[in-house]
């Protein structure tokens, strides 16, 4: 029996997806490979997760993160 989570992580059929847990709804991604990465892009997490359009890293908002709108 498979347990259903509130925010399921996609399971791609093409390989491994690196998942990064973040504390902010506006994370930046540069590919994480130094000079072999990609240009830094700022992402926006609207609900609970988003993908980097360059490297397909999955950015998941930590459920315990403080909402920036509350500041």
PDB file of N, CA and C in Angstrom:
ATOM      1  N   UNK A   1       0.833  -1.175   0.000  1.00  0.00           N
ATOM      2  CA  UNK A   1       0.000   0.000   0.000  1.00  0.00           C
ATOM      3  C   UNK A   1       0.880   1.241   0.000  1.00  0.00           C
ATOM      4  N   UNK A   2       0.624   2.154  -0.942  1.00  0.00           N
ATOM      5  CA  UNK A   2       1.406   3.369  -1.052  1.00  0.00           C
ATOM      6  C   UNK A   2       0.738   4.469  -0.229  1.00  0.00           C
ATOM      7  N   UNK A   3       1.537   5.161   0.578  1.00  0.00           N
ATOM      8  CA  UNK A   3       1.021   6.224   1.429  1.00  0.00           C
ATOM      9  C   UNK A   3       0.946   7.510   0.606  1.00  0.00           C
ATOM     10  N   UNK A   4      -0.189   8.164   0.610  1.00  0.00           N
ATOM     11  CA  UNK A   4      -0.382   9.412  -0.117  1.00  0.00           C
ATOM     12  C   UNK A   4       0.047  10.571   0.771  1.00  0.00           C
ATOM     13  N   UNK A   5       0.950  11.423   0.295  1.00  0.00           N
ATOM     14  CA  UNK A   5       1.377  12.582   1.066  1.00  0.00           C
ATOM     15  C   UNK A   5       0.599  13.808   0.604  1.00  0.00           C
ATOM     16  N   UNK A   6       0.636  14.838   1.417  1.00  0.00           N
ATOM     17  CA  UNK A   6      -0.084  16.059   1.082  1.00  0.00           C
ATOM     18  C   UNK A   6       0.492  16.695  -0.182  1.00  0.00           C
ATOM     19  N   UNK A   7       1.823  16.713  -0.301  1.00  0.00           N
ATOM     20  CA  UNK A   7       2.488  17.285  -1.464  1.00  0.00           C
ATOM     21  C   UNK A   7       3.388  16.224  -2.088  1.00  0.00           C
ATOM     22  N   UNK A   8       2.861  15.406  -2.965  1.00  0.00           N
ATOM     23  CA  UNK A   8       3.677  14.333  -3.528  1.00  0.00           C
ATOM     24  C   UNK A   8       4.798  14.878  -4.411  1.00  0.00           C
ATOM     25  N   UNK A   9       5.937  14.242  -4.352  1.00  0.00           N
ATOM     26  CA  UNK A   9       7.061  14.595  -5.199  1.00  0.00           C
ATOM     27  C   UNK A   9       6.942  13.824  -6.499  1.00  0.00           C
ATOM     28  N   UNK A  10       7.068  14.523  -7.637  1.00  0.00           N
ATOM     29  CA  UNK A  10       6.972  13.809  -8.900  1.00  0.00           C
ATOM     30  C   UNK A  10       8.084  12.779  -9.031  1.00  0.00           C
ATOM     31  N   UNK A  11       7.800  11.677  -9.655  1.00  0.00           N
ATOM     32  CA  UNK A  11       8.803  10.635  -9.881  1.00  0.00           C
ATOM     33  C   UNK A  11       9.008  10.495 -11.387  1.00  0.00           C
ATOM     34  N   UNK A  12       9.984  11.222 -11.924  1.00  0.00           N
ATOM     35  CA  UNK A  12      10.199  11.185 -13.369  1.00  0.00           C
ATOM     36  C   UNK A  12      10.701   9.827 -13.820  1.00  0.00           C
ATOM     37  N   UNK A  13      10.404   9.494 -15.038  1.00  0.00           N
ATOM     38  CA  UNK A  13      10.823   8.214 -15.608  1.00  0.00           C
ATOM     39  C   UNK A  13      12.173   8.324 -16.304  1.00  0.00           C
ATOM     40  N   UNK A  14      12.722   9.523 -16.390  1.00  0.00           N
ATOM     41  CA  UNK A  14      13.962   9.725 -17.125  1.00  0.00           C
ATOM     42  C   UNK A  14      15.211   9.703 -16.260  1.00  0.00           C
ATOM     43  N   UNK A  15      15.078   9.642 -14.966  1.00  0.00           N
ATOM     44  CA  UNK A  15      16.257   9.615 -14.114  1.00  0.00           C
ATOM     45  C   UNK A  15      16.026  10.312 -12.793  1.00  0.00           C
ATOM     46  N   UNK A  16      17.109  10.576 -12.100  1.00  0.00           N
ATOM     47  CA  UNK A  16      17.080  11.175 -10.772  1.00  0.00           C
ATOM     48  C   UNK A  16      16.832  12.679 -10.853  1.00  0.00           C
ATOM     49  N   UNK A  17      16.002  13.193  -9.967  1.00  0.00           N
ATOM     50  CA  UNK A  17      15.780  14.629  -9.840  1.00  0.00           C
ATOM     51  C   UNK A  17      16.321  15.045  -8.478  1.00  0.00           C
ATOM     52  N   UNK A  18      17.246  16.002  -8.485  1.00  0.00           N
ATOM     53  CA  UNK A  18      17.790  16.506  -7.230  1.00  0.00           C
ATOM     54  C   UNK A  18      16.725  17.360  -6.550  1.00  0.00           C
ATOM     55  N   UNK A  19      16.456  17.078  -5.287  1.00  0.00           N
ATOM     56  CA  UNK A  19      15.463  17.827  -4.528  1.00  0.00           C
ATOM     57  C   UNK A  19      16.171  18.695  -3.501  1.00  0.00           C
ATOM     58  N   UNK A  20      15.806  19.978  -3.479  1.00  0.00           N
ATOM     59  CA  UNK A  20      16.401  20.936  -2.563  1.00  0.00           C
ATOM     60  C   UNK A  20      15.286  21.489  -1.677  1.00  0.00           C
ATOM     61  N   UNK A  21      15.409  21.316  -0.360  1.00  0.00           N
ATOM     62  CA  UNK A  21      14.443  21.861   0.586  1.00  0.00           C
ATOM     63  C   UNK A  21      14.883  23.285   0.900  1.00  0.00           C
ATOM     64  N   UNK A  22      13.977  24.255   0.733  1.00  0.00           N
ATOM     65  CA  UNK A  22      14.327  25.659   0.933  1.00  0.00           C
ATOM     66  C   UNK A  22      13.438  26.302   1.992  1.00  0.00           C
ATOM     67  N   UNK A  23      13.915  27.408   2.539  1.00  0.00           N
ATOM     68  CA  UNK A  23      13.200  28.141   3.589  1.00  0.00           C
ATOM     69  C   UNK A  23      12.505  29.390   3.053  1.00  0.00           C
ATOM     70  N   UNK A  24      12.660  29.666   1.759  1.00  0.00           N
ATOM     71  CA  UNK A  24      12.129  30.886   1.170  1.00  0.00           C
ATOM     72  C   UNK A  24      11.340  30.554  -0.090  1.00  0.00           C
ATOM     73  N   UNK A  25      10.331  31.350  -0.395  1.00  0.00           N
ATOM     74  CA  UNK A  25       9.548  31.168  -1.613  1.00  0.00           C
ATOM     75  C   UNK A  25      10.266  31.728  -2.844  1.00  0.00           C
ATOM     76  N   UNK A  26      11.449  32.319  -2.657  1.00  0.00           N
ATOM     77  CA  UNK A  26      12.200  32.892  -3.770  1.00  0.00           C
ATOM     78  C   UNK A  26      13.633  32.370  -3.770  1.00  0.00           C
ATOM     79  N   UNK A  27      13.839  31.080  -4.029  1.00  0.00           N
ATOM     80  CA  UNK A  27      15.209  30.545  -4.055  1.00  0.00           C
ATOM     81  C   UNK A  27      15.907  30.883  -5.372  1.00  0.00           C
ATOM     82  N   UNK A  28      17.223  30.844  -5.338  1.00  0.00           N
ATOM     83  CA  UNK A  28      18.032  31.029  -6.537  1.00  0.00           C
ATOM     84  C   UNK A  28      18.656  29.694  -6.904  1.00  0.00           C
ATOM     85  N   UNK A  29      18.875  29.480  -8.191  1.00  0.00           N
ATOM     86  CA  UNK A  29      19.536  28.252  -8.647  1.00  0.00           C
ATOM     87  C   UNK A  29      20.595  28.623  -9.675  1.00  0.00           C
ATOM     88  N   UNK A  30      21.790  28.026  -9.528  1.00  0.00           N
ATOM     89  CA  UNK A  30      22.863  28.218 -10.505  1.00  0.00           C
ATOM     90  C   UNK A  30      23.384  26.879 -11.017  1.00  0.00           C
ATOM     91  N   UNK A  31      22.626  25.837 -10.785  1.00  0.00           N
ATOM     92  CA  UNK A  31      23.019  24.512 -11.240  1.00  0.00           C
ATOM     93  C   UNK A  31      23.864  23.751 -10.242  1.00  0.00           C
ATOM     94  N   UNK A  32      24.494  24.456  -9.311  1.00  0.00           N
ATOM     95  CA  UNK A  32      25.255  23.816  -8.253  1.00  0.00           C
ATOM     96  C   UNK A  32      26.555  23.173  -8.680  1.00  0.00           C
ATOM     97  N   UNK A  33      27.035  23.447  -9.870  1.00  0.00           N
ATOM     98  CA  UNK A  33      28.269  22.812 -10.334  1.00  0.00           C
ATOM     99  C   UNK A  33      29.357  23.837 -10.598  1.00  0.00           C
ATOM    100  N   UNK A  34      29.336  24.950  -9.881  1.00  0.00           N
ATOM    101  CA  UNK A  34      30.359  25.978 -10.067  1.00  0.00           C
ATOM    102  C   UNK A  34      30.364  26.498 -11.494  1.00  0.00           C
ATOM    103  N   UNK A  35      31.536  26.496 -12.113  1.00  0.00           N
ATOM    104  CA  UNK A  35      31.665  26.993 -13.484  1.00  0.00           C
ATOM    105  C   UNK A  35      30.923  26.121 -14.494  1.00  0.00           C
ATOM    106  N   UNK A  36      30.598  24.899 -14.106  1.00  0.00           N
ATOM    107  CA  UNK A  36      29.886  24.002 -15.017  1.00  0.00           C
ATOM    108  C   UNK A  36      28.371  24.088 -14.843  1.00  0.00           C
ATOM    109  N   UNK A  37      27.911  24.998 -14.002  1.00  0.00           N
ATOM    110  CA  UNK A  37      26.477  25.149 -13.756  1.00  0.00           C
ATOM    111  C   UNK A  37      25.800  25.929 -14.876  1.00  0.00           C
ATOM    112  N   UNK A  38      24.843  26.762 -14.515  1.00  0.00           N
ATOM    113  CA  UNK A  38      24.129  27.594 -15.483  1.00  0.00           C
ATOM    114  C   UNK A  38      23.957  28.982 -14.893  1.00  0.00           C
ATOM    115  N   UNK A  39      23.484  29.955 -15.693  1.00  0.00           N
ATOM    116  CA  UNK A  39      23.280  31.294 -15.131  1.00  0.00           C
ATOM    117  C   UNK A  39      22.337  31.240 -13.931  1.00  0.00           C
ATOM    118  N   UNK A  40      22.604  32.061 -12.927  1.00  0.00           N
ATOM    119  CA  UNK A  40      21.744  32.094 -11.740  1.00  0.00           C
ATOM    120  C   UNK A  40      20.370  32.627 -12.128  1.00  0.00           C
ATOM    121  N   UNK A  41      19.355  31.899 -11.719  1.00  0.00           N
ATOM    122  CA  UNK A  41      17.976  32.322 -11.923  1.00  0.00           C
ATOM    123  C   UNK A  41      17.269  32.334 -10.580  1.00  0.00           C
ATOM    124  N   UNK A  42      16.361  33.288 -10.414  1.00  0.00           N
ATOM    125  CA  UNK A  42      15.548  33.359  -9.205  1.00  0.00           C
ATOM    126  C   UNK A  42      14.212  32.733  -9.523  1.00  0.00           C
ATOM    127  N   UNK A  43      13.805  31.823  -8.676  1.00  0.00           N
ATOM    128  CA  UNK A  43      12.561  31.083  -8.879  1.00  0.00           C
ATOM    129  C   UNK A  43      11.507  31.593  -7.910  1.00  0.00           C
ATOM    130  N   UNK A  44      10.262  31.259  -8.168  1.00  0.00           N
ATOM    131  CA  UNK A  44       9.166  31.642  -7.281  1.00  0.00           C
ATOM    132  C   UNK A  44       8.356  30.401  -6.973  1.00  0.00           C
ATOM    133  N   UNK A  45       8.197  30.095  -5.697  1.00  0.00           N
ATOM    134  CA  UNK A  45       7.390  28.956  -5.267  1.00  0.00           C
ATOM    135  C   UNK A  45       6.017  29.497  -4.897  1.00  0.00           C
ATOM    136  N   UNK A  46       5.027  29.225  -5.720  1.00  0.00           N
ATOM    137  CA  UNK A  46       3.674  29.720  -5.477  1.00  0.00           C
ATOM    138  C   UNK A  46       2.949  28.857  -4.448  1.00  0.00           C
ATOM    139  N   UNK A  47       2.986  27.551  -4.618  1.00  0.00           N
ATOM    140  CA  UNK A  47       2.281  26.649  -3.703  1.00  0.00           C
ATOM    141  C   UNK A  47       3.273  26.000  -2.748  1.00  0.00           C
ATOM    142  N   UNK A  48       3.912  24.916  -3.192  1.00  0.00           N
ATOM    143  CA  UNK A  48       4.837  24.219  -2.299  1.00  0.00           C
ATOM    144  C   UNK A  48       6.110  23.750  -2.990  1.00  0.00           C
ATOM    145  N   UNK A  49       6.150  23.816  -4.329  1.00  0.00           N
ATOM    146  CA  UNK A  49       7.363  23.387  -5.027  1.00  0.00           C
ATOM    147  C   UNK A  49       7.439  24.019  -6.408  1.00  0.00           C
ATOM    148  N   UNK A  50       8.651  24.019  -6.977  1.00  0.00           N
ATOM    149  CA  UNK A  50       8.867  24.495  -8.337  1.00  0.00           C
ATOM    150  C   UNK A  50      10.112  23.821  -8.895  1.00  0.00           C
ATOM    151  N   UNK A  51      10.263  23.847 -10.213  1.00  0.00           N
ATOM    152  CA  UNK A  51      11.425  23.279 -10.892  1.00  0.00           C
ATOM    153  C   UNK A  51      12.271  24.387 -11.477  1.00  0.00           C
ATOM    154  N   UNK A  52      13.587  24.165 -11.543  1.00  0.00           N
ATOM    155  CA  UNK A  52      14.479  25.070 -12.240  1.00  0.00           C
ATOM    156  C   UNK A  52      14.348  24.781 -13.733  1.00  0.00           C
ATOM    157  N   UNK A  53      14.139  25.801 -14.566  1.00  0.00           N
ATOM    158  CA  UNK A  53      13.987  25.558 -16.002  1.00  0.00           C
ATOM    159  C   UNK A  53      15.276  25.134 -16.698  1.00  0.00           C
ATOM    160  N   UNK A  54      16.422  25.373 -16.064  1.00  0.00           N
ATOM    161  CA  UNK A  54      17.699  24.995 -16.656  1.00  0.00           C
ATOM    162  C   UNK A  54      18.099  23.556 -16.321  1.00  0.00           C
ATOM    163  N   UNK A  55      18.115  23.232 -15.026  1.00  0.00           N
ATOM    164  CA  UNK A  55      18.690  21.948 -14.606  1.00  0.00           C
ATOM    165  C   UNK A  55      17.659  20.972 -14.036  1.00  0.00           C
ATOM    166  N   UNK A  56      16.408  21.375 -13.956  1.00  0.00           N
ATOM    167  CA  UNK A  56      15.309  20.538 -13.476  1.00  0.00           C
ATOM    168  C   UNK A  56      15.414  20.148 -12.008  1.00  0.00           C
ATOM    169  N   UNK A  57      16.220  20.862 -11.233  1.00  0.00           N
ATOM    170  CA  UNK A  57      16.216  20.624  -9.783  1.00  0.00           C
ATOM    171  C   UNK A  57      14.827  20.937  -9.262  1.00  0.00           C
ATOM    172  N   UNK A  58      14.394  20.180  -8.289  1.00  0.00           N
ATOM    173  CA  UNK A  58      13.099  20.393  -7.658  1.00  0.00           C
ATOM    174  C   UNK A  58      13.321  21.151  -6.362  1.00  0.00           C
ATOM    175  N   UNK A  59      12.720  22.322  -6.231  1.00  0.00           N
ATOM    176  CA  UNK A  59      12.803  23.126  -5.014  1.00  0.00           C
ATOM    177  C   UNK A  59      11.492  22.986  -4.269  1.00  0.00           C
ATOM    178  N   UNK A  60      11.579  22.480  -3.021  1.00  0.00           N
ATOM    179  CA  UNK A  60      10.399  22.237  -2.197  1.00  0.00           C
ATOM    180  C   UNK A  60      10.469  23.152  -0.982  1.00  0.00           C
ATOM    181  N   UNK A  61       9.393  23.885  -0.735  1.00  0.00           N
ATOM    182  CA  UNK A  61       9.337  24.771   0.416  1.00  0.00           C
ATOM    183  C   UNK A  61       9.172  23.949   1.682  1.00  0.00           C
ATOM    184  N   UNK A  62      10.031  24.188   2.662  1.00  0.00           N
ATOM    185  CA  UNK A  62       9.938  23.516   3.949  1.00  0.00           C
ATOM    186  C   UNK A  62       8.594  23.877   4.580  1.00  0.00           C
ATOM    187  N   UNK A  63       7.809  22.902   5.016  1.00  0.00           N
ATOM    188  CA  UNK A  63       6.511  23.206   5.620  1.00  0.00           C
ATOM    189  C   UNK A  63       6.613  24.087   6.866  1.00  0.00           C
ATOM    190  N   UNK A  64       7.773  24.109   7.521  1.00  0.00           N
ATOM    191  CA  UNK A  64       7.964  24.928   8.726  1.00  0.00           C
ATOM    192  C   UNK A  64       8.528  26.311   8.414  1.00  0.00           C
ATOM    193  N   UNK A  65       8.712  26.631   7.131  1.00  0.00           N
ATOM    194  CA  UNK A  65       9.280  27.930   6.765  1.00  0.00           C
ATOM    195  C   UNK A  65       8.305  29.047   7.131  1.00  0.00           C
ATOM    196  N   UNK A  66       8.872  30.191   7.507  1.00  0.00           N
ATOM    197  CA  UNK A  66       8.059  31.351   7.869  1.00  0.00           C
ATOM    198  C   UNK A  66       7.605  32.024   6.579  1.00  0.00           C
ATOM    199  N   UNK A  67       6.328  32.353   6.504  1.00  0.00           N
ATOM    200  CA  UNK A  67       5.779  33.013   5.332  1.00  0.00           C
ATOM    201  C   UNK A  67       6.313  34.443   5.272  1.00  0.00           C
ATOM    202  N   UNK A  68       6.944  34.814   4.153  1.00  0.00           N
ATOM    203  CA  UNK A  68       7.535  36.141   4.005  1.00  0.00           C
ATOM    204  C   UNK A  68       6.486  37.241   4.025  1.00  0.00           C
ATOM    205  N   UNK A  69       5.260  36.940   3.635  1.00  0.00           N
ATOM    206  CA  UNK A  69       4.200  37.943   3.617  1.00  0.00           C
ATOM    207  C   UNK A  69       3.801  38.358   5.029  1.00  0.00           C
ATOM    208  N   UNK A  70       4.149  37.545   6.011  1.00  0.00           N
ATOM    209  CA  UNK A  70       3.783  37.839   7.393  1.00  0.00           C
ATOM    210  C   UNK A  70       4.693  38.890   8.022  1.00  0.00           C
ATOM    211  N   UNK A  71       5.821  39.238   7.370  1.00  0.00           N
ATOM    212  CA  UNK A  71       6.763  40.204   7.940  1.00  0.00           C
ATOM    213  C   UNK A  71       6.301  41.607   7.735  1.00  0.00           C
TER     214      UNK A  71
END
